[in-house]
Amino acid sequence: MAPLPKAELVQNSLQLYRYLLRCCRQLPEESIRQHYRHAVRQSFKVHADEDNPERIQQIIKRAIEDADWVMNK
């Protein structure tokens, strides 16, 4: 299963959050979708106070790579 197109357009945390939730919708089983939706929400809360632009870009890059891995699993 391929990730959603336009991952390269994700530039900020809100766009990342929406992108990851859309990826969750493509997962095959409801229990898996719920698990990853919960993980996305928790990660968003944990990193909500991040203000370093370089760190934010690192988080975005890593989250998209992780989403690609999950979608291809």
PDB file of N, CA and C in Angstrom:
ATOM      1  N   MET A   1       0.853  -1.174   0.000  1.00  0.00           N
ATOM      2  CA  MET A   1       0.000   0.000   0.000  1.00  0.00           C
ATOM      3  C   MET A   1       0.899   1.237   0.000  1.00  0.00           C
ATOM      4  N   ALA A   2       0.723   2.087  -0.940  1.00  0.00           N
ATOM      5  CA  ALA A   2       1.550   3.285  -1.075  1.00  0.00           C
ATOM      6  C   ALA A   2       1.016   4.407  -0.186  1.00  0.00           C
ATOM      7  N   PRO A   3       1.903   5.281   0.266  1.00  0.00           N
ATOM      8  CA  PRO A   3       1.446   6.430   1.051  1.00  0.00           C
ATOM      9  C   PRO A   3       0.654   7.392   0.171  1.00  0.00           C
ATOM     10  N   LEU A   4      -0.014   8.290   0.799  1.00  0.00           N
ATOM     11  CA  LEU A   4      -0.775   9.278   0.043  1.00  0.00           C
ATOM     12  C   LEU A   4       0.163  10.151  -0.770  1.00  0.00           C
ATOM     13  N   PRO A   5      -0.295  10.600  -1.923  1.00  0.00           N
ATOM     14  CA  PRO A   5       0.532  11.528  -2.697  1.00  0.00           C
ATOM     15  C   PRO A   5       0.620  12.878  -1.990  1.00  0.00           C
ATOM     16  N   LYS A   6       1.543  13.668  -2.423  1.00  0.00           N
ATOM     17  CA  LYS A   6       1.717  15.041  -1.940  1.00  0.00           C
ATOM     18  C   LYS A   6       2.370  15.130  -0.565  1.00  0.00           C
ATOM     19  N   ALA A   7       3.064  14.088  -0.136  1.00  0.00           N
ATOM     20  CA  ALA A   7       3.776  14.168   1.141  1.00  0.00           C
ATOM     21  C   ALA A   7       4.808  15.293   1.099  1.00  0.00           C
ATOM     22  N   GLU A   8       5.332  15.551  -0.083  1.00  0.00           N
ATOM     23  CA  GLU A   8       6.347  16.602  -0.211  1.00  0.00           C
ATOM     24  C   GLU A   8       5.776  17.995   0.027  1.00  0.00           C
ATOM     25  N   LEU A   9       4.454  18.134   0.024  1.00  0.00           N
ATOM     26  CA  LEU A   9       3.833  19.438   0.248  1.00  0.00           C
ATOM     27  C   LEU A   9       3.631  19.755   1.735  1.00  0.00           C
ATOM     28  N   VAL A  10       3.880  18.789   2.595  1.00  0.00           N
ATOM     29  CA  VAL A  10       3.706  18.999   4.036  1.00  0.00           C
ATOM     30  C   VAL A  10       4.802  19.944   4.524  1.00  0.00           C
ATOM     31  N   GLN A  11       4.394  21.107   5.021  1.00  0.00           N
ATOM     32  CA  GLN A  11       5.350  22.125   5.452  1.00  0.00           C
ATOM     33  C   GLN A  11       5.239  22.488   6.924  1.00  0.00           C
ATOM     34  N   ASN A  12       4.102  22.208   7.550  1.00  0.00           N
ATOM     35  CA  ASN A  12       3.957  22.570   8.961  1.00  0.00           C
ATOM     36  C   ASN A  12       3.257  21.449   9.724  1.00  0.00           C
ATOM     37  N   SER A  13       3.167  21.621  11.019  1.00  0.00           N
ATOM     38  CA  SER A  13       2.664  20.545  11.869  1.00  0.00           C
ATOM     39  C   SER A  13       1.185  20.228  11.612  1.00  0.00           C
ATOM     40  N   LEU A  14       0.382  21.211  11.328  1.00  0.00           N
ATOM     41  CA  LEU A  14      -1.030  20.946  11.052  1.00  0.00           C
ATOM     42  C   LEU A  14      -1.198  20.152   9.762  1.00  0.00           C
ATOM     43  N   GLN A  15      -0.451  20.506   8.747  1.00  0.00           N
ATOM     44  CA  GLN A  15      -0.501  19.754   7.493  1.00  0.00           C
ATOM     45  C   GLN A  15      -0.032  18.314   7.711  1.00  0.00           C
ATOM     46  N   LEU A  16       0.997  18.139   8.529  1.00  0.00           N
ATOM     47  CA  LEU A  16       1.489  16.800   8.847  1.00  0.00           C
ATOM     48  C   LEU A  16       0.414  15.996   9.567  1.00  0.00           C
ATOM     49  N   TYR A  17      -0.205  16.603  10.551  1.00  0.00           N
ATOM     50  CA  TYR A  17      -1.257  15.937  11.325  1.00  0.00           C
ATOM     51  C   TYR A  17      -2.376  15.455  10.407  1.00  0.00           C
ATOM     52  N   ARG A  18      -2.836  16.322   9.525  1.00  0.00           N
ATOM     53  CA  ARG A  18      -3.912  15.958   8.597  1.00  0.00           C
ATOM     54  C   ARG A  18      -3.462  14.869   7.629  1.00  0.00           C
ATOM     55  N   TYR A  19      -2.228  14.967   7.123  1.00  0.00           N
ATOM     56  CA  TYR A  19      -1.679  13.971   6.214  1.00  0.00           C
ATOM     57  C   TYR A  19      -1.641  12.591   6.895  1.00  0.00           C
ATOM     58  N   LEU A  20      -1.150  12.550   8.131  1.00  0.00           N
ATOM     59  CA  LEU A  20      -1.033  11.277   8.834  1.00  0.00           C
ATOM     60  C   LEU A  20      -2.407  10.676   9.134  1.00  0.00           C
ATOM     61  N   LEU A  21      -3.373  11.502   9.471  1.00  0.00           N
ATOM     62  CA  LEU A  21      -4.723  10.976   9.713  1.00  0.00           C
ATOM     63  C   LEU A  21      -5.338  10.435   8.418  1.00  0.00           C
ATOM     64  N   ARG A  22      -5.040  11.074   7.289  1.00  0.00           N
ATOM     65  CA  ARG A  22      -5.506  10.544   5.999  1.00  0.00           C
ATOM     66  C   ARG A  22      -4.841   9.203   5.696  1.00  0.00           C
ATOM     67  N   CYS A  23      -3.571   9.076   6.023  1.00  0.00           N
ATOM     68  CA  CYS A  23      -2.881   7.792   5.839  1.00  0.00           C
ATOM     69  C   CYS A  23      -3.552   6.709   6.681  1.00  0.00           C
ATOM     70  N   CYS A  24      -3.936   7.057   7.893  1.00  0.00           N
ATOM     71  CA  CYS A  24      -4.591   6.081   8.773  1.00  0.00           C
ATOM     72  C   CYS A  24      -5.878   5.546   8.152  1.00  0.00           C
ATOM     73  N   ARG A  25      -6.582   6.384   7.433  1.00  0.00           N
ATOM     74  CA  ARG A  25      -7.836   5.947   6.804  1.00  0.00           C
ATOM     75  C   ARG A  25      -7.621   4.855   5.772  1.00  0.00           C
ATOM     76  N   GLN A  26      -6.419   4.740   5.230  1.00  0.00           N
ATOM     77  CA  GLN A  26      -6.144   3.747   4.199  1.00  0.00           C
ATOM     78  C   GLN A  26      -5.728   2.394   4.770  1.00  0.00           C
ATOM     79  N   LEU A  27      -5.518   2.315   6.068  1.00  0.00           N
ATOM     80  CA  LEU A  27      -5.098   1.051   6.668  1.00  0.00           C
ATOM     81  C   LEU A  27      -6.248   0.042   6.627  1.00  0.00           C
ATOM     82  N   PRO A  28      -5.923  -1.242   6.516  1.00  0.00           N
ATOM     83  CA  PRO A  28      -6.941  -2.249   6.217  1.00  0.00           C
ATOM     84  C   PRO A  28      -7.928  -2.588   7.351  1.00  0.00           C
ATOM     85  N   GLU A  29      -7.478  -2.600   8.595  1.00  0.00           N
ATOM     86  CA  GLU A  29      -8.359  -3.023   9.686  1.00  0.00           C
ATOM     87  C   GLU A  29      -8.651  -1.863  10.632  1.00  0.00           C
ATOM     88  N   GLU A  30      -9.852  -1.862  11.178  1.00  0.00           N
ATOM     89  CA  GLU A  30     -10.266  -0.786  12.075  1.00  0.00           C
ATOM     90  C   GLU A  30      -9.380  -0.716  13.316  1.00  0.00           C
ATOM     91  N   SER A  31      -9.008  -1.851  13.874  1.00  0.00           N
ATOM     92  CA  SER A  31      -8.172  -1.837  15.077  1.00  0.00           C
ATOM     93  C   SER A  31      -6.801  -1.216  14.786  1.00  0.00           C
ATOM     94  N   ILE A  32      -6.269  -1.486  13.621  1.00  0.00           N
ATOM     95  CA  ILE A  32      -4.981  -0.897  13.222  1.00  0.00           C
ATOM     96  C   ILE A  32      -5.149   0.604  13.014  1.00  0.00           C
ATOM     97  N   ARG A  33      -6.241   0.999  12.362  1.00  0.00           N
ATOM     98  CA  ARG A  33      -6.507   2.435  12.144  1.00  0.00           C
ATOM     99  C   ARG A  33      -6.599   3.166  13.476  1.00  0.00           C
ATOM    100  N   GLN A  34      -7.325   2.575  14.434  1.00  0.00           N
ATOM    101  CA  GLN A  34      -7.470   3.208  15.744  1.00  0.00           C
ATOM    102  C   GLN A  34      -6.125   3.347  16.447  1.00  0.00           C
ATOM    103  N   HIS A  35      -5.319   2.306  16.367  1.00  0.00           N
ATOM    104  CA  HIS A  35      -4.005   2.338  17.014  1.00  0.00           C
ATOM    105  C   HIS A  35      -3.151   3.481  16.461  1.00  0.00           C
ATOM    106  N   TYR A  36      -3.052   3.573  15.149  1.00  0.00           N
ATOM    107  CA  TYR A  36      -2.199   4.606  14.553  1.00  0.00           C
ATOM    108  C   TYR A  36      -2.798   6.009  14.696  1.00  0.00           C
ATOM    109  N   ARG A  37      -4.123   6.132  14.669  1.00  0.00           N
ATOM    110  CA  ARG A  37      -4.740   7.450  14.935  1.00  0.00           C
ATOM    111  C   ARG A  37      -4.375   7.921  16.335  1.00  0.00           C
ATOM    112  N   HIS A  38      -4.464   6.996  17.292  1.00  0.00           N
ATOM    113  CA  HIS A  38      -4.110   7.343  18.671  1.00  0.00           C
ATOM    114  C   HIS A  38      -2.635   7.749  18.758  1.00  0.00           C
ATOM    115  N   ALA A  39      -1.761   6.998  18.093  1.00  0.00           N
ATOM    116  CA  ALA A  39      -0.329   7.304  18.111  1.00  0.00           C
ATOM    117  C   ALA A  39      -0.054   8.675  17.489  1.00  0.00           C
ATOM    118  N   VAL A  40      -0.738   8.994  16.395  1.00  0.00           N
ATOM    119  CA  VAL A  40      -0.565  10.299  15.739  1.00  0.00           C
ATOM    120  C   VAL A  40      -0.994  11.416  16.687  1.00  0.00           C
ATOM    121  N   ARG A  41      -2.136  11.254  17.320  1.00  0.00           N
ATOM    122  CA  ARG A  41      -2.638  12.288  18.238  1.00  0.00           C
ATOM    123  C   ARG A  41      -1.692  12.484  19.423  1.00  0.00           C
ATOM    124  N   GLN A  42      -1.201  11.378  19.982  1.00  0.00           N
ATOM    125  CA  GLN A  42      -0.289  11.474  21.117  1.00  0.00           C
ATOM    126  C   GLN A  42       1.011  12.169  20.715  1.00  0.00           C
ATOM    127  N   SER A  43       1.549  11.822  19.571  1.00  0.00           N
ATOM    128  CA  SER A  43       2.785  12.452  19.113  1.00  0.00           C
ATOM    129  C   SER A  43       2.581  13.937  18.866  1.00  0.00           C
ATOM    130  N   PHE A  44       1.428  14.294  18.318  1.00  0.00           N
ATOM    131  CA  PHE A  44       1.136  15.700  18.078  1.00  0.00           C
ATOM    132  C   PHE A  44       1.106  16.466  19.405  1.00  0.00           C
ATOM    133  N   LYS A  45       0.489  15.873  20.425  1.00  0.00           N
ATOM    134  CA  LYS A  45       0.430  16.528  21.739  1.00  0.00           C
ATOM    135  C   LYS A  45       1.815  16.658  22.361  1.00  0.00           C
ATOM    136  N   VAL A  46       2.633  15.619  22.236  1.00  0.00           N
ATOM    137  CA  VAL A  46       3.969  15.629  22.818  1.00  0.00           C
ATOM    138  C   VAL A  46       4.832  16.732  22.197  1.00  0.00           C
ATOM    139  N   HIS A  47       4.703  16.934  20.897  1.00  0.00           N
ATOM    140  CA  HIS A  47       5.550  17.901  20.193  1.00  0.00           C
ATOM    141  C   HIS A  47       4.873  19.253  19.962  1.00  0.00           C
ATOM    142  N   ALA A  48       3.729  19.482  20.574  1.00  0.00           N
ATOM    143  CA  ALA A  48       2.969  20.710  20.332  1.00  0.00           C
ATOM    144  C   ALA A  48       3.730  21.980  20.728  1.00  0.00           C
ATOM    145  N   ASP A  49       4.609  21.901  21.710  1.00  0.00           N
ATOM    146  CA  ASP A  49       5.315  23.093  22.170  1.00  0.00           C
ATOM    147  C   ASP A  49       6.669  23.302  21.485  1.00  0.00           C
ATOM    148  N   GLU A  50       6.978  22.482  20.498  1.00  0.00           N
ATOM    149  CA  GLU A  50       8.250  22.610  19.769  1.00  0.00           C
ATOM    150  C   GLU A  50       8.260  23.915  18.975  1.00  0.00           C
ATOM    151  N   ASP A  51       9.329  24.704  19.131  1.00  0.00           N
ATOM    152  CA  ASP A  51       9.390  25.982  18.422  1.00  0.00           C
ATOM    153  C   ASP A  51      10.646  26.154  17.569  1.00  0.00           C
ATOM    154  N   ASN A  52      11.523  25.170  17.580  1.00  0.00           N
ATOM    155  CA  ASN A  52      12.731  25.214  16.760  1.00  0.00           C
ATOM    156  C   ASN A  52      12.391  24.758  15.336  1.00  0.00           C
ATOM    157  N   PRO A  53      12.499  25.656  14.341  1.00  0.00           N
ATOM    158  CA  PRO A  53      12.122  25.300  12.960  1.00  0.00           C
ATOM    159  C   PRO A  53      12.883  24.106  12.391  1.00  0.00           C
ATOM    160  N   GLU A  54      14.173  23.992  12.726  1.00  0.00           N
ATOM    161  CA  GLU A  54      14.946  22.849  12.241  1.00  0.00           C
ATOM    162  C   GLU A  54      14.422  21.549  12.831  1.00  0.00           C
ATOM    163  N   ARG A  55      14.140  21.569  14.113  1.00  0.00           N
ATOM    164  CA  ARG A  55      13.617  20.371  14.786  1.00  0.00           C
ATOM    165  C   ARG A  55      12.242  20.004  14.228  1.00  0.00           C
ATOM    166  N   ILE A  56      11.412  20.995  13.958  1.00  0.00           N
ATOM    167  CA  ILE A  56      10.087  20.734  13.393  1.00  0.00           C
ATOM    168  C   ILE A  56      10.222  20.054  12.033  1.00  0.00           C
ATOM    169  N   GLN A  57      11.147  20.527  11.205  1.00  0.00           N
ATOM    170  CA  GLN A  57      11.354  19.903   9.899  1.00  0.00           C
ATOM    171  C   GLN A  57      11.877  18.475  10.044  1.00  0.00           C
ATOM    172  N   GLN A  58      12.723  18.228  11.036  1.00  0.00           N
ATOM    173  CA  GLN A  58      13.198  16.869  11.299  1.00  0.00           C
ATOM    174  C   GLN A  58      12.039  15.952  11.692  1.00  0.00           C
ATOM    175  N   ILE A  59      11.171  16.462  12.542  1.00  0.00           N
ATOM    176  CA  ILE A  59      10.015  15.677  12.995  1.00  0.00           C
ATOM    177  C   ILE A  59       9.105  15.363  11.808  1.00  0.00           C
ATOM    178  N   ILE A  60       8.854  16.359  10.964  1.00  0.00           N
ATOM    179  CA  ILE A  60       8.004  16.161   9.790  1.00  0.00           C
ATOM    180  C   ILE A  60       8.600  15.105   8.871  1.00  0.00           C
ATOM    181  N   LYS A  61       9.898  15.223   8.596  1.00  0.00           N
ATOM    182  CA  LYS A  61      10.573  14.266   7.706  1.00  0.00           C
ATOM    183  C   LYS A  61      10.492  12.854   8.275  1.00  0.00           C
ATOM    184  N   ARG A  62      10.776  12.716   9.550  1.00  0.00           N
ATOM    185  CA  ARG A  62      10.757  11.392  10.183  1.00  0.00           C
ATOM    186  C   ARG A  62       9.339  10.820  10.214  1.00  0.00           C
ATOM    187  N   ALA A  63       8.343  11.642  10.490  1.00  0.00           N
ATOM    188  CA  ALA A  63       6.959  11.166  10.546  1.00  0.00           C
ATOM    189  C   ALA A  63       6.491  10.664   9.179  1.00  0.00           C
ATOM    190  N   ILE A  64       6.880  11.354   8.120  1.00  0.00           N
ATOM    191  CA  ILE A  64       6.502  10.916   6.766  1.00  0.00           C
ATOM    192  C   ILE A  64       7.209   9.610   6.419  1.00  0.00           C
ATOM    193  N   GLU A  65       8.492   9.492   6.792  1.00  0.00           N
ATOM    194  CA  GLU A  65       9.217   8.237   6.561  1.00  0.00           C
ATOM    195  C   GLU A  65       8.556   7.089   7.324  1.00  0.00           C
ATOM    196  N   ASP A  66       8.165   7.347   8.573  1.00  0.00           N
ATOM    197  CA  ASP A  66       7.505   6.318   9.376  1.00  0.00           C
ATOM    198  C   ASP A  66       6.155   5.940   8.771  1.00  0.00           C
ATOM    199  N   ALA A  67       5.429   6.925   8.270  1.00  0.00           N
ATOM    200  CA  ALA A  67       4.132   6.647   7.632  1.00  0.00           C
ATOM    201  C   ALA A  67       4.330   5.790   6.386  1.00  0.00           C
ATOM    202  N   ASP A  68       5.367   6.085   5.610  1.00  0.00           N
ATOM    203  CA  ASP A  68       5.672   5.261   4.426  1.00  0.00           C
ATOM    204  C   ASP A  68       5.931   3.815   4.851  1.00  0.00           C
ATOM    205  N   TRP A  69       6.694   3.637   5.913  1.00  0.00           N
ATOM    206  CA  TRP A  69       7.013   2.305   6.402  1.00  0.00           C
ATOM    207  C   TRP A  69       5.745   1.564   6.822  1.00  0.00           C
ATOM    208  N   VAL A  70       4.889   2.238   7.571  1.00  0.00           N
ATOM    209  CA  VAL A  70       3.642   1.608   8.040  1.00  0.00           C
ATOM    210  C   VAL A  70       2.752   1.251   6.854  1.00  0.00           C
ATOM    211  N   MET A  71       2.654   2.131   5.900  1.00  0.00           N
ATOM    212  CA  MET A  71       1.777   1.877   4.758  1.00  0.00           C
ATOM    213  C   MET A  71       2.290   0.726   3.898  1.00  0.00           C
ATOM    214  N   ASN A  72       3.601   0.516   3.862  1.00  0.00           N
ATOM    215  CA  ASN A  72       4.180  -0.575   3.067  1.00  0.00           C
ATOM    216  C   ASN A  72       4.310  -1.877   3.841  1.00  0.00           C
ATOM    217  N   LYS A  73       4.021  -1.864   5.102  1.00  0.00           N
ATOM    218  CA  LYS A  73       4.163  -3.026   5.974  1.00  0.00           C
ATOM    219  C   LYS A  73       3.152  -4.096   5.666  1.00  0.00           C
TER     220      LYS A  73
END
